[in-house]
Amino acid sequence: MDIYARLTRRLLVGISILAIVTMAFGVFNPHSDTSLYVRLIPLVPIAVLAAGLIPGSYIHKFIDSLVNRPERGSFTLIAIIAIGGPLFIGVAASLGAYDRIYMLQLIQELDLSFIDSREVRYNFVHFSVLGIAALVLFVWNAFDLLRARSSAQAT
């Protein structure tokens, strides 16, 4: 499998995984004021996306049809998205985690009883997991791009 196919496959699977993580944290938030029935609605797209991650399923067939097209997109564009997308998500998630740490400090310093510190901790974990997943995707894509570049220079 060439680098274009690997990056395209990993991007679409990574987007699916990040979407599953984000929706799952919303569904299983024990501190949410939303009705239980409304919170359970995202379980359907979570199950559909999770079933699509099984090799040979509809997401992988769609990816194969994209990769095998003769008029594939620009490799430069795919490389920019492969590096920039996870990096952007990771930075946004780390800013969210930093904000939650700051909120916890404010809650302790100012004795803010109207803000639930357990929910702030839960959201900190949410942003941390999302940031770590984006960081793993970023490092994986960067490693593949560097490996492809070094093998292209060697030949």
Foldseek 3Di string as FASTA:
>chain_A
DDLLLVLLLLVVLLVLVLVLLVLVLQLPVPPDPDDNVVSCVCVVVSVVSVVQNPPPHPVNVVSVVQVPDPCHDDPVVSLCCQQVVLVVLLVVLVVLLVVLVVVLVCCVVVVDPVDDNVSSVSSNVSSVVSNVSSVVSNVVSVVSVVVNVVVVVVD
